[in-house]
Each structure stands twice: as C-alpha cells, then as structure tokens.
Amino acid sequence: MGVFVFLPLVLPLTAWPIARLAEQHLHPRTATRLLTGVAAVMAACSTLCLALVMVVGTAQLPGNPLPDGWSDPEVRAAVPYDEVAGKAAIPALVAVLVACGRTWWRHARVRRRAHRALAGLRDTEVAVLPDAVPYAYALPGGRRDRVVVTTAMLDCLEPAERRALFAHERAHLSARHHRFLLTVRLAAQANPFLRPLRTAVSYTTERWADEDAARTVGSRRTVARAIGKAALVSRGTPSATLAGLAAAGPVPRRVAALLGPAPAVRTWPSLFTAVGVAAWGAATGAVVSAMSSANSAVTMVLILHAATPL
C-alpha cells in the first residue's frame, strides 16, 4: 500500500478552493450537489483507509483477537511507520465512529421530539404553534413532511412575506435538503478537513431554497425582506441538520444575492474559469481518493489472506 493509504486522509484539502468559490459562482443547486458528493466520497475513503491502518495497529496489541499471522513483518511492512500510525489509528477511528454516531443520534432524536410535539395538531402540511418565540423550519419524515412555524413568527411578517416563508420551507422539503446537511455534517465528523464543505453546504442549501421561493412568489425582493426580518427575530432551527428560513448565514450575503439577478443555471462550470479549475480539482481529488482507498483495501485483503493460517 505504501503512502497511498494515507492519501485519502489529506486529499480533502483539494476541495477547499471549490468550497468557497462554489458559493459565489455556481447555482446553489449545483453547488450543493457537487460539494455533498465530494464530501461523501472523501469521507468514506478516509474512513476506510483509517480502518485499514487500524487493523495493522490492532494486530500488534497483546491479547488481540486477530489471527497471529496478521502481526507478521510482511503485513506491518504494508503500512509506513506502522508502529506509530497503526496504534494512532485506533483511537482516531473510534473517535470518528463516536462522533458520527452521536451526530446521527442527535438528528434522529430531534426529529422524533419534533414529531411528538406535533402529534396533537391536525395532520396538515403546515403546523402553526402558539408560541411566543418566533421560529420556523422544515420537518421531514413522519406521516408527512411538514412546515413548522410559530404564531410569533407569522406576526412579524407581512402576508407576502409569509408566502415567501412557506415557499422557502417547502423548497427545503421537496429538495430533501436535510439529507445534504446530514451527509456533509457526518463527513466533517469523519474528516475535519471537510469542515469547509459543511459550512458551504449549509449556505448553499439556504440559497437554493431562496431561489426556489423567489421563483414561486415572483418577487426576489419580497423573499429578501422575509429573510431579513426572520433573521432579526428567529432563534433558528432545533438542529443543524434541519433547514429553515433563517437557519444558516451569512444572512446579509443571502439578501444581497436576492437583490441581484438570478444565478445562471449550469450543470458544470467551464474549465477556463477559477471555479471550473477548483471544481475539477475537487473532483480529481475525490477520484484519486477513491482509487487510493480501493487499491489499499484490495492490497490489504490479499496480504491478510496470505498471512492467515489455513
């Protein structure tokens, strides 16, 4: 395997340029899908390679349940600096699994609690809660996807702005934005180098919903006003993996984007632009990461098979 086993751990650095440029130069829908795909591939590859290195480290521990042949010098030689890297991979992989499990559990717990809180209300698409705290968010799952909003939030908005709010939240639900948000959040837990992509997707999903709401309402300025007002009074969403009108910022950038022309819809940026170079760089990094992890996995399986006593 050589140093190739370590490449997926650092290749997420190749996605940093596109994480910033995609927010500014790509359509929010394209940016969200691109960044989420890159993050998912790189996180999976880095976790796999971490697990491969951990096998070598675990085999060196006294009393481990692995076959004795897995601690042979030939196996250890497959990983550079096996004594240090192999043992360091054990707590690192445990930390990744615990962090990802905790994120998933919190996401599921918040959704369960939110659905239980709405159990006594009518089974409609919009759930209006008599709450003095202004907030609104999109709640997927359950018997149906629902838009949750409080009376305090509705009181802060004009009728046209309320339509913009509902259009925004419905856009989150129809595009399944919670899946993108959860995916990049898990990816960032698996590899800290992917955190810029998590931040970028939190923004692009909101921009995606902004644009859909503006098209539905027919007024970009109305949506901008609704976002500005909601941001001033809202407490946000109950979880970072759920989406809402004022859930993610920076709000001034979203408002400024809505006050300008609609972004051009392009499936992939031109190579002869900065964002195009960054996008191809991130895509190349994801492909190289996948190839490196696949090569390392196949090589490790063959080595361990040869070292396993019959």
Protein backbone atom coordinates (compact mmCIF):
# COMPACT_ATOMS: atom_id res chain seq x y z
CA MET A 1 0.00 0.00 0.00
CA GLY A 2 2.76 2.41 0.89
CA VAL A 3 1.94 6.06 1.32
CA PHE A 4 -1.20 5.64 -0.81
CA VAL A 5 -3.06 4.50 2.29
CA PHE A 6 -2.56 7.96 3.79
CA LEU A 7 -3.59 9.96 0.71
CA PRO A 8 -7.37 9.87 1.36
CA LEU A 9 -6.74 11.38 4.80
CA VAL A 10 -5.31 14.60 3.30
CA LEU A 11 -6.90 14.78 -0.16
CA PRO A 12 -9.93 16.68 1.23
CA LEU A 13 -7.60 19.69 1.17
CA THR A 14 -8.08 19.72 -2.62
CA ALA A 15 -11.75 20.62 -2.07
CA TRP A 16 -11.11 23.78 -0.07
CA PRO A 17 -10.96 26.13 -3.10
CA ILE A 18 -14.29 24.92 -4.51
CA ALA A 19 -15.93 25.16 -1.08
CA ARG A 20 -15.57 28.93 -1.26
CA LEU A 21 -15.84 29.55 -4.98
CA ALA A 22 -18.97 27.41 -5.39
CA GLU A 23 -20.90 29.71 -3.05
CA GLN A 24 -20.09 32.69 -5.21
CA HIS A 25 -20.10 31.40 -8.79
CA LEU A 26 -22.28 28.29 -9.06
CA HIS A 27 -26.02 27.92 -8.95
CA PRO A 28 -26.89 26.88 -5.37
CA ARG A 29 -28.42 23.60 -6.56
CA THR A 30 -25.28 22.66 -8.49
CA ALA A 31 -23.01 23.76 -5.65
CA THR A 32 -24.95 21.75 -3.07
CA ARG A 33 -24.88 18.54 -5.07
CA LEU A 34 -21.22 18.92 -6.05
CA LEU A 35 -19.97 19.70 -2.55
CA THR A 36 -22.07 17.00 -0.90
CA GLY A 37 -20.92 14.36 -3.39
CA VAL A 38 -17.27 15.27 -2.96
CA ALA A 39 -17.60 15.32 0.83
CA ALA A 40 -19.34 11.94 0.95
CA VAL A 41 -16.76 10.22 -1.27
CA MET A 42 -13.77 11.69 0.54
CA ALA A 43 -15.17 10.94 3.99
CA ALA A 44 -15.90 7.33 3.08
CA CYS A 45 -12.44 6.85 1.58
CA SER A 46 -10.58 8.40 4.51
CA THR A 47 -12.56 6.30 6.99
CA LEU A 48 -11.82 3.13 5.03
CA CYS A 49 -8.10 3.84 4.95
CA LEU A 50 -8.12 4.68 8.65
CA ALA A 51 -9.72 1.30 9.28
CA LEU A 52 -7.06 -0.46 7.19
CA VAL A 53 -4.27 1.18 9.16
CA MET A 54 -6.09 0.34 12.40
CA VAL A 55 -6.07 -3.36 11.51
CA VAL A 56 -2.28 -3.28 11.38
CA GLY A 57 -2.13 -1.42 14.68
CA THR A 58 -4.59 -3.74 16.41
CA ALA A 59 -2.65 -6.80 15.28
CA GLN A 60 0.35 -5.51 17.25
CA LEU A 61 -1.52 -5.33 20.55
CA PRO A 62 -1.01 -8.19 23.02
CA GLY A 63 -4.05 -10.35 23.50
CA ASN A 64 -5.89 -9.07 20.42
CA PRO A 65 -8.46 -11.43 18.84
CA LEU A 66 -6.98 -11.16 15.34
CA PRO A 67 -5.06 -14.05 13.73
CA ASP A 68 -1.42 -14.21 14.78
CA GLY A 69 -0.25 -14.02 11.18
CA TRP A 70 -1.66 -10.51 10.86
CA SER A 71 1.17 -9.18 13.04
CA ASP A 72 3.88 -10.65 10.79
CA PRO A 73 6.55 -8.25 9.49
CA GLU A 74 5.22 -8.68 5.94
CA VAL A 75 1.84 -7.31 6.99
CA ARG A 76 3.30 -4.47 9.01
CA ALA A 77 5.55 -3.51 6.10
CA ALA A 78 2.44 -2.65 4.07
CA VAL A 79 1.93 0.49 6.18
CA PRO A 80 4.70 3.10 6.51
CA TYR A 81 5.63 3.86 10.12
CA ASP A 82 3.35 1.01 11.16
CA GLU A 83 4.16 1.15 14.88
CA VAL A 84 3.13 4.78 15.25
CA ALA A 85 0.48 5.06 12.53
CA GLY A 86 -1.18 1.75 13.31
CA LYS A 87 -1.62 2.45 17.01
CA ALA A 88 -2.65 6.08 16.43
CA ALA A 89 -5.35 4.93 14.01
CA ILE A 90 -7.15 3.00 16.75
CA PRO A 91 -8.29 5.99 18.86
CA ALA A 92 -8.72 8.06 15.70
CA LEU A 93 -11.21 5.61 14.18
CA VAL A 94 -13.01 5.21 17.49
CA ALA A 95 -13.36 9.00 17.69
CA VAL A 96 -14.74 9.12 14.13
CA LEU A 97 -17.32 6.41 14.82
CA VAL A 98 -18.40 8.00 18.10
CA ALA A 99 -18.70 11.47 16.55
CA CYS A 100 -20.68 10.21 13.56
CA GLY A 101 -22.91 8.06 15.75
CA ARG A 102 -23.61 10.98 18.07
CA THR A 103 -24.47 13.27 15.14
CA TRP A 104 -26.84 10.69 13.66
CA TRP A 105 -28.43 10.03 17.06
CA ARG A 106 -28.99 13.74 17.73
CA HIS A 107 -30.54 14.21 14.31
CA ALA A 108 -32.93 11.31 14.87
CA ARG A 109 -33.74 12.43 18.42
CA VAL A 110 -34.60 15.99 17.35
CA ARG A 111 -36.86 14.71 14.58
CA ARG A 112 -38.62 12.29 16.94
CA ARG A 113 -39.19 15.00 19.54
CA ALA A 114 -40.46 17.44 16.94
CA HIS A 115 -42.94 14.91 15.55
CA ARG A 116 -44.12 14.03 19.06
CA ALA A 117 -44.67 17.72 19.80
CA LEU A 118 -46.91 17.96 16.73
CA ALA A 119 -48.85 14.79 17.48
CA GLY A 120 -51.84 16.68 18.91
CA LEU A 121 -52.20 19.01 15.94
CA ARG A 122 -54.13 18.45 12.74
CA ASP A 123 -52.26 16.39 10.15
CA THR A 124 -51.71 19.24 7.70
CA GLU A 125 -48.72 20.37 5.68
CA VAL A 126 -48.29 23.48 7.85
CA ALA A 127 -48.18 23.24 11.64
CA VAL A 128 -48.73 26.57 13.39
CA LEU A 129 -47.67 26.51 17.03
CA PRO A 130 -49.00 29.06 19.56
CA ASP A 131 -45.55 30.05 20.77
CA ALA A 132 -44.23 33.48 21.78
CA VAL A 133 -40.79 32.54 20.40
CA PRO A 134 -40.51 33.22 16.64
CA TYR A 135 -39.08 30.37 14.59
CA ALA A 136 -39.85 28.31 11.51
CA TYR A 137 -38.26 25.23 9.99
CA ALA A 138 -38.88 22.32 7.64
CA LEU A 139 -39.55 18.99 9.34
CA PRO A 140 -39.24 15.93 7.07
CA GLY A 141 -40.48 12.43 7.79
CA GLY A 142 -43.31 11.07 9.86
CA ARG A 143 -46.64 10.60 8.14
CA ARG A 144 -45.93 13.66 6.02
CA ASP A 145 -43.35 16.41 5.58
CA ARG A 146 -44.41 19.50 7.48
CA VAL A 147 -43.57 23.17 7.76
CA VAL A 148 -43.41 24.20 11.42
CA VAL A 149 -43.95 27.87 12.25
CA THR A 150 -44.99 29.77 15.35
CA THR A 151 -47.61 32.47 15.65
CA ALA A 152 -44.88 34.85 16.83
CA MET A 153 -43.00 34.38 13.57
CA LEU A 154 -46.12 34.92 11.46
CA ASP A 155 -46.92 38.10 13.40
CA CYS A 156 -43.52 39.51 12.41
CA LEU A 157 -44.17 39.13 8.67
CA GLU A 158 -46.46 40.75 6.14
CA PRO A 159 -48.81 38.48 4.10
CA ALA A 160 -46.49 38.44 1.08
CA GLU A 161 -43.52 37.66 3.33
CA ARG A 162 -45.45 34.79 4.89
CA ARG A 163 -45.96 33.32 1.44
CA ALA A 164 -42.23 33.63 0.89
CA LEU A 165 -41.54 31.85 4.19
CA PHE A 166 -43.83 28.93 3.30
CA ALA A 167 -42.38 28.71 -0.20
CA HIS A 168 -38.87 28.64 1.26
CA GLU A 169 -39.65 25.85 3.72
CA ARG A 170 -41.50 23.80 1.08
CA ALA A 171 -38.44 24.11 -1.14
CA HIS A 172 -36.32 22.60 1.65
CA LEU A 173 -38.72 19.68 1.93
CA SER A 174 -39.17 18.99 -1.79
CA ALA A 175 -35.40 19.05 -2.44
CA ARG A 176 -34.66 16.93 0.68
CA HIS A 177 -32.12 19.43 1.95
CA HIS A 178 -31.91 17.72 5.33
CA ARG A 179 -30.17 14.80 3.61
CA PHE A 180 -27.47 17.04 2.16
CA LEU A 181 -26.98 18.74 5.53
CA LEU A 182 -26.73 15.47 7.43
CA THR A 183 -24.35 13.97 4.87
CA VAL A 184 -21.85 16.83 4.99
CA ARG A 185 -22.10 17.00 8.76
CA LEU A 186 -21.23 13.31 9.05
CA ALA A 187 -18.44 13.80 6.50
CA ALA A 188 -16.96 16.63 8.56
CA GLN A 189 -17.03 14.41 11.64
CA ALA A 190 -15.23 11.68 9.72
CA ASN A 191 -12.52 14.02 8.43
CA PRO A 192 -12.01 17.53 9.93
CA PHE A 193 -10.52 18.71 6.61
CA LEU A 194 -14.06 18.56 5.19
CA ARG A 195 -15.49 21.17 7.56
CA PRO A 196 -15.30 23.98 4.96
CA LEU A 197 -17.61 21.91 2.75
CA ARG A 198 -20.08 21.50 5.62
CA THR A 199 -20.17 25.27 6.11
CA ALA A 200 -20.56 25.87 2.38
CA VAL A 201 -23.44 23.40 2.00
CA SER A 202 -25.24 24.96 4.97
CA TYR A 203 -25.19 28.19 2.98
CA THR A 204 -25.92 26.80 -0.50
CA THR A 205 -28.97 24.83 0.66
CA GLU A 206 -30.44 28.05 2.02
CA ARG A 207 -29.61 29.87 -1.20
CA TRP A 208 -31.20 27.03 -3.17
CA ALA A 209 -34.41 27.41 -1.17
CA ASP A 210 -34.20 31.21 -1.52
CA GLU A 211 -34.13 30.95 -5.30
CA ASP A 212 -36.98 28.45 -5.41
CA ALA A 213 -39.05 30.66 -3.11
CA ALA A 214 -38.34 33.72 -5.24
CA ARG A 215 -39.48 31.86 -8.35
CA THR A 216 -42.66 30.68 -6.58
CA VAL A 217 -43.55 34.06 -5.07
CA GLY A 218 -42.48 36.01 -8.14
CA SER A 219 -40.52 38.62 -6.20
CA ARG A 220 -36.90 38.32 -5.15
CA ARG A 221 -37.22 41.47 -3.04
CA THR A 222 -40.10 40.00 -1.02
CA VAL A 223 -38.08 36.91 -0.18
CA ALA A 224 -35.13 39.11 0.78
CA ARG A 225 -37.33 41.11 3.16
CA ALA A 226 -38.72 37.95 4.71
CA ILE A 227 -35.22 36.57 5.29
CA GLY A 228 -34.04 39.82 6.84
CA LYS A 229 -36.98 40.08 9.21
CA ALA A 230 -36.85 36.41 10.19
CA ALA A 231 -33.12 36.61 10.89
CA LEU A 232 -33.63 39.52 13.29
CA VAL A 233 -36.14 37.68 15.47
CA SER A 234 -35.68 33.94 14.87
CA ARG A 235 -33.86 31.58 17.19
CA GLY A 236 -33.03 29.28 14.28
CA THR A 237 -33.77 25.58 13.91
CA PRO A 238 -33.68 22.83 16.56
CA SER A 239 -30.86 21.02 14.74
CA ALA A 240 -28.10 21.93 12.29
CA THR A 241 -29.29 19.10 10.05
CA LEU A 242 -32.74 20.65 9.64
CA ALA A 243 -33.32 23.73 7.48
CA GLY A 244 -35.20 26.97 7.95
CA LEU A 245 -35.61 30.48 6.58
CA ALA A 246 -33.10 32.00 8.99
CA ALA A 247 -31.22 28.83 9.89
CA ALA A 248 -27.93 29.49 8.15
CA GLY A 249 -25.96 32.56 7.26
CA PRO A 250 -24.44 34.79 6.49
CA VAL A 251 -27.87 36.35 6.03
CA PRO A 252 -26.55 39.62 4.51
CA ARG A 253 -24.99 37.65 1.66
CA ARG A 254 -28.25 35.83 1.02
CA VAL A 255 -30.17 39.08 0.97
CA ALA A 256 -27.61 40.70 -1.33
CA ALA A 257 -27.83 37.72 -3.70
CA LEU A 258 -31.61 38.02 -3.85
CA LEU A 259 -31.42 41.73 -4.57
CA GLY A 260 -29.24 40.95 -7.58
CA PRO A 261 -30.03 38.94 -10.73
CA ALA A 262 -30.91 35.27 -10.54
CA PRO A 263 -27.88 32.95 -10.85
CA ALA A 264 -27.32 31.20 -14.14
CA VAL A 265 -28.24 27.53 -14.17
CA ARG A 266 -25.22 25.48 -15.22
CA THR A 267 -24.68 21.80 -14.61
CA TRP A 268 -20.88 22.16 -14.58
CA PRO A 269 -18.61 25.23 -14.68
CA SER A 270 -16.28 25.90 -17.57
CA LEU A 271 -12.71 24.72 -17.11
CA PHE A 272 -11.43 28.13 -18.20
CA THR A 273 -12.63 29.83 -15.01
CA ALA A 274 -11.37 29.84 -11.43
CA VAL A 275 -14.42 27.97 -10.20
CA GLY A 276 -14.05 25.47 -13.04
CA VAL A 277 -10.44 24.73 -12.12
CA ALA A 278 -11.44 24.39 -8.46
CA ALA A 279 -14.34 22.07 -9.33
CA TRP A 280 -12.16 19.83 -11.46
CA GLY A 281 -9.51 19.87 -8.73
CA ALA A 282 -12.04 18.71 -6.14
CA ALA A 283 -13.42 16.07 -8.50
CA THR A 284 -9.91 14.82 -9.25
CA GLY A 285 -9.15 14.69 -5.54
CA ALA A 286 -12.28 12.62 -4.95
CA VAL A 287 -11.37 10.21 -7.77
CA VAL A 288 -7.79 9.83 -6.57
CA SER A 289 -9.06 9.29 -3.04
CA ALA A 290 -11.41 6.55 -4.25
CA MET A 291 -8.67 4.88 -6.29
CA SER A 292 -6.17 5.05 -3.42
CA SER A 293 -8.59 3.59 -0.90
CA ALA A 294 -9.69 0.85 -3.31
CA ASN A 295 -6.07 -0.05 -4.06
CA SER A 296 -5.19 -0.08 -0.38
CA ALA A 297 -8.23 -2.20 0.51
CA VAL A 298 -7.51 -4.81 -2.18
CA THR A 299 -3.82 -4.93 -1.28
CA MET A 300 -4.56 -5.32 2.43
CA VAL A 301 -7.09 -8.10 1.82
CA LEU A 302 -4.58 -10.01 -0.29
CA ILE A 303 -1.82 -9.55 2.29
CA LEU A 304 -4.02 -10.61 5.19
CA HIS A 305 -5.32 -13.59 3.25
CA ALA A 306 -1.76 -14.73 2.56
CA ALA A 307 -0.83 -14.23 6.23
CA THR A 308 -3.85 -16.08 7.63
CA PRO A 309 -3.04 -19.63 8.72
CA LEU A 310 -5.06 -22.31 6.96
